[in-house]
Amino acid sequence: MRGWHVGPVQAGWLALRYGLTGDTGRFRSHAGWRVSRLRRGHSDEDE
């Protein structure tokens, strides 16, 4: 996934979830150093 450094299985799951719901939910990225979330229509990471 675009530089978030997640494995191929996790990337596939996140892509499927994002495609269906527009939200990946929180996931560990950057080799476990960060928690990230991708959402459709939101420009800021945390609300």
PDB file of N, CA and C in Angstrom:
ATOM      1  N   MET A   1       0.830  -1.193   0.000  1.00  0.00           N
ATOM      2  CA  MET A   1       0.000   0.000   0.000  1.00  0.00           C
ATOM      3  C   MET A   1       0.868   1.246   0.000  1.00  0.00           C
ATOM      4  N   ARG A   2       0.981   1.907  -1.045  1.00  0.00           N
ATOM      5  CA  ARG A   2       1.547   3.234  -1.239  1.00  0.00           C
ATOM      6  C   ARG A   2       2.543   3.729  -0.193  1.00  0.00           C
ATOM      7  N   GLY A   3       3.441   2.919   0.277  1.00  0.00           N
ATOM      8  CA  GLY A   3       4.459   3.372   1.201  1.00  0.00           C
ATOM      9  C   GLY A   3       4.112   3.215   2.672  1.00  0.00           C
ATOM     10  N   TRP A   4       3.055   2.509   2.997  1.00  0.00           N
ATOM     11  CA  TRP A   4       2.717   2.298   4.401  1.00  0.00           C
ATOM     12  C   TRP A   4       3.430   1.071   4.963  1.00  0.00           C
ATOM     13  N   HIS A   5       4.097   0.312   4.130  1.00  0.00           N
ATOM     14  CA  HIS A   5       4.896  -0.835   4.548  1.00  0.00           C
ATOM     15  C   HIS A   5       4.070  -1.867   5.314  1.00  0.00           C
ATOM     16  N   VAL A   6       3.074  -2.405   4.645  1.00  0.00           N
ATOM     17  CA  VAL A   6       2.301  -3.515   5.199  1.00  0.00           C
ATOM     18  C   VAL A   6       2.500  -4.720   4.289  1.00  0.00           C
ATOM     19  N   GLY A   7       2.252  -5.899   4.807  1.00  0.00           N
ATOM     20  CA  GLY A   7       2.427  -7.115   4.026  1.00  0.00           C
ATOM     21  C   GLY A   7       1.363  -7.265   2.945  1.00  0.00           C
ATOM     22  N   PRO A   8       1.586  -8.180   1.998  1.00  0.00           N
ATOM     23  CA  PRO A   8       0.658  -8.333   0.876  1.00  0.00           C
ATOM     24  C   PRO A   8      -0.735  -8.819   1.292  1.00  0.00           C
ATOM     25  N   VAL A   9      -0.826  -9.694   2.271  1.00  0.00           N
ATOM     26  CA  VAL A   9      -2.136 -10.177   2.713  1.00  0.00           C
ATOM     27  C   VAL A   9      -2.907  -9.047   3.395  1.00  0.00           C
ATOM     28  N   GLN A  10      -2.226  -8.321   4.281  1.00  0.00           N
ATOM     29  CA  GLN A  10      -2.869  -7.192   4.958  1.00  0.00           C
ATOM     30  C   GLN A  10      -3.265  -6.119   3.948  1.00  0.00           C
ATOM     31  N   ALA A  11      -2.413  -5.850   2.964  1.00  0.00           N
ATOM     32  CA  ALA A  11      -2.730  -4.851   1.939  1.00  0.00           C
ATOM     33  C   ALA A  11      -3.975  -5.259   1.155  1.00  0.00           C
ATOM     34  N   GLY A  12      -4.095  -6.547   0.830  1.00  0.00           N
ATOM     35  CA  GLY A  12      -5.280  -7.032   0.125  1.00  0.00           C
ATOM     36  C   GLY A  12      -6.537  -6.874   0.950  1.00  0.00           C
ATOM     37  N   TRP A  13      -6.453  -7.225   2.229  1.00  0.00           N
ATOM     38  CA  TRP A  13      -7.600  -7.084   3.125  1.00  0.00           C
ATOM     39  C   TRP A  13      -8.006  -5.618   3.252  1.00  0.00           C
ATOM     40  N   LEU A  14      -7.031  -4.733   3.435  1.00  0.00           N
ATOM     41  CA  LEU A  14      -7.331  -3.311   3.578  1.00  0.00           C
ATOM     42  C   LEU A  14      -7.938  -2.743   2.294  1.00  0.00           C
ATOM     43  N   ALA A  15      -7.432  -3.177   1.148  1.00  0.00           N
ATOM     44  CA  ALA A  15      -7.977  -2.712  -0.131  1.00  0.00           C
ATOM     45  C   ALA A  15      -9.429  -3.167  -0.305  1.00  0.00           C
ATOM     46  N   LEU A  16      -9.711  -4.407   0.049  1.00  0.00           N
ATOM     47  CA  LEU A  16     -11.086  -4.919  -0.040  1.00  0.00           C
ATOM     48  C   LEU A  16     -12.010  -4.149   0.894  1.00  0.00           C
ATOM     49  N   ARG A  17     -11.585  -3.972   2.119  1.00  0.00           N
ATOM     50  CA  ARG A  17     -12.406  -3.253   3.098  1.00  0.00           C
ATOM     51  C   ARG A  17     -12.650  -1.806   2.670  1.00  0.00           C
ATOM     52  N   TYR A  18     -11.597  -1.151   2.156  1.00  0.00           N
ATOM     53  CA  TYR A  18     -11.742   0.229   1.682  1.00  0.00           C
ATOM     54  C   TYR A  18     -12.688   0.286   0.486  1.00  0.00           C
ATOM     55  N   GLY A  19     -12.576  -0.678  -0.423  1.00  0.00           N
ATOM     56  CA  GLY A  19     -13.451  -0.710  -1.592  1.00  0.00           C
ATOM     57  C   GLY A  19     -14.917  -0.897  -1.230  1.00  0.00           C
ATOM     58  N   LEU A  20     -15.185  -1.698  -0.208  1.00  0.00           N
ATOM     59  CA  LEU A  20     -16.561  -1.972   0.186  1.00  0.00           C
ATOM     60  C   LEU A  20     -17.166  -0.881   1.066  1.00  0.00           C
ATOM     61  N   THR A  21     -16.361  -0.337   1.991  1.00  0.00           N
ATOM     62  CA  THR A  21     -16.915   0.581   2.984  1.00  0.00           C
ATOM     63  C   THR A  21     -16.387   2.006   2.890  1.00  0.00           C
ATOM     64  N   GLY A  22     -15.263   2.204   2.181  1.00  0.00           N
ATOM     65  CA  GLY A  22     -14.645   3.529   2.136  1.00  0.00           C
ATOM     66  C   GLY A  22     -13.821   3.836   3.370  1.00  0.00           C
ATOM     67  N   ASP A  23     -13.540   2.818   4.187  1.00  0.00           N
ATOM     68  CA  ASP A  23     -12.794   3.006   5.430  1.00  0.00           C
ATOM     69  C   ASP A  23     -11.985   1.736   5.694  1.00  0.00           C
ATOM     70  N   THR A  24     -10.683   1.883   5.940  1.00  0.00           N
ATOM     71  CA  THR A  24      -9.860   0.714   6.240  1.00  0.00           C
ATOM     72  C   THR A  24      -9.925   0.337   7.708  1.00  0.00           C
ATOM     73  N   GLY A  25     -10.379   1.267   8.557  1.00  0.00           N
ATOM     74  CA  GLY A  25     -10.228   1.053   9.986  1.00  0.00           C
ATOM     75  C   GLY A  25      -8.775   1.307  10.356  1.00  0.00           C
ATOM     76  N   ARG A  26      -8.470   1.235  11.616  1.00  0.00           N
ATOM     77  CA  ARG A  26      -7.087   1.475  12.048  1.00  0.00           C
ATOM     78  C   ARG A  26      -6.245   0.225  11.809  1.00  0.00           C
ATOM     79  N   PHE A  27      -5.022   0.437  11.318  1.00  0.00           N
ATOM     80  CA  PHE A  27      -4.108  -0.671  11.092  1.00  0.00           C
ATOM     81  C   PHE A  27      -2.680  -0.228  11.385  1.00  0.00           C
ATOM     82  N   ARG A  28      -1.847  -1.187  11.816  1.00  0.00           N
ATOM     83  CA  ARG A  28      -0.445  -0.890  12.112  1.00  0.00           C
ATOM     84  C   ARG A  28       0.314  -0.778  10.801  1.00  0.00           C
ATOM     85  N   SER A  29       1.119   0.268  10.684  1.00  0.00           N
ATOM     86  CA  SER A  29       1.877   0.508   9.460  1.00  0.00           C
ATOM     87  C   SER A  29       3.288   0.951   9.819  1.00  0.00           C
ATOM     88  N   HIS A  30       4.088   1.202   8.793  1.00  0.00           N
ATOM     89  CA  HIS A  30       5.463   1.669   8.961  1.00  0.00           C
ATOM     90  C   HIS A  30       6.237   0.732   9.895  1.00  0.00           C
ATOM     91  N   ALA A  31       6.169  -0.567   9.592  1.00  0.00           N
ATOM     92  CA  ALA A  31       6.857  -1.609  10.358  1.00  0.00           C
ATOM     93  C   ALA A  31       6.413  -1.630  11.823  1.00  0.00           C
ATOM     94  N   GLY A  32       5.159  -1.278  12.069  1.00  0.00           N
ATOM     95  CA  GLY A  32       4.612  -1.321  13.427  1.00  0.00           C
ATOM     96  C   GLY A  32       4.808  -0.052  14.234  1.00  0.00           C
ATOM     97  N   TRP A  33       5.420   0.969  13.651  1.00  0.00           N
ATOM     98  CA  TRP A  33       5.709   2.199  14.390  1.00  0.00           C
ATOM     99  C   TRP A  33       4.546   3.174  14.397  1.00  0.00           C
ATOM    100  N   ARG A  34       3.585   3.013  13.501  1.00  0.00           N
ATOM    101  CA  ARG A  34       2.455   3.940  13.430  1.00  0.00           C
ATOM    102  C   ARG A  34       1.154   3.177  13.316  1.00  0.00           C
ATOM    103  N   VAL A  35       0.074   3.854  13.674  1.00  0.00           N
ATOM    104  CA  VAL A  35      -1.269   3.351  13.429  1.00  0.00           C
ATOM    105  C   VAL A  35      -1.886   4.298  12.411  1.00  0.00           C
ATOM    106  N   SER A  36      -2.367   3.746  11.297  1.00  0.00           N
ATOM    107  CA  SER A  36      -2.900   4.561  10.212  1.00  0.00           C
ATOM    108  C   SER A  36      -4.347   4.201   9.939  1.00  0.00           C
ATOM    109  N   ARG A  37      -5.014   5.069   9.204  1.00  0.00           N
ATOM    110  CA  ARG A  37      -6.395   4.822   8.798  1.00  0.00           C
ATOM    111  C   ARG A  37      -6.643   5.591   7.511  1.00  0.00           C
ATOM    112  N   LEU A  38      -7.246   4.947   6.534  1.00  0.00           N
ATOM    113  CA  LEU A  38      -7.613   5.594   5.280  1.00  0.00           C
ATOM    114  C   LEU A  38      -9.128   5.634   5.189  1.00  0.00           C
ATOM    115  N   ARG A  39      -9.653   6.830   4.938  1.00  0.00           N
ATOM    116  CA  ARG A  39     -11.105   6.987   4.810  1.00  0.00           C
ATOM    117  C   ARG A  39     -11.413   7.853   3.606  1.00  0.00           C
ATOM    118  N   ARG A  40     -12.453   7.501   2.917  1.00  0.00           N
ATOM    119  CA  ARG A  40     -12.911   8.272   1.766  1.00  0.00           C
ATOM    120  C   ARG A  40     -13.581   9.546   2.252  1.00  0.00           C
ATOM    121  N   GLY A  41     -13.212  10.701   1.673  1.00  0.00           N
ATOM    122  CA  GLY A  41     -13.889  11.940   1.975  1.00  0.00           C
ATOM    123  C   GLY A  41     -13.405  12.659   3.230  1.00  0.00           C
ATOM    124  N   HIS A  42     -12.324  12.189   3.851  1.00  0.00           N
ATOM    125  CA  HIS A  42     -11.777  12.834   5.040  1.00  0.00           C
ATOM    126  C   HIS A  42     -10.351  13.250   4.755  1.00  0.00           C
ATOM    127  N   SER A  43     -10.024  14.522   4.968  1.00  0.00           N
ATOM    128  CA  SER A  43      -8.669  14.990   4.690  1.00  0.00           C
ATOM    129  C   SER A  43      -7.759  14.886   5.890  1.00  0.00           C
ATOM    130  N   ASP A  44      -8.299  14.912   7.113  1.00  0.00           N
ATOM    131  CA  ASP A  44      -7.463  14.826   8.302  1.00  0.00           C
ATOM    132  C   ASP A  44      -7.489  13.410   8.852  1.00  0.00           C
ATOM    133  N   GLU A  45      -6.377  13.013   9.500  1.00  0.00           N
ATOM    134  CA  GLU A  45      -6.245  11.646   9.977  1.00  0.00           C
ATOM    135  C   GLU A  45      -7.086  11.360  11.207  1.00  0.00           C
ATOM    136  N   ASP A  46      -7.084  12.247  12.178  1.00  0.00           N
ATOM    137  CA  ASP A  46      -7.852  12.055  13.410  1.00  0.00           C
ATOM    138  C   ASP A  46      -8.881  13.158  13.570  1.00  0.00           C
ATOM    139  N   GLU A  47     -10.027  12.795  14.091  1.00  0.00           N
ATOM    140  CA  GLU A  47     -11.065  13.799  14.357  1.00  0.00           C
ATOM    141  C   GLU A  47     -11.337  13.874  15.827  1.00  0.00           C
TER     142      GLU A  47
END
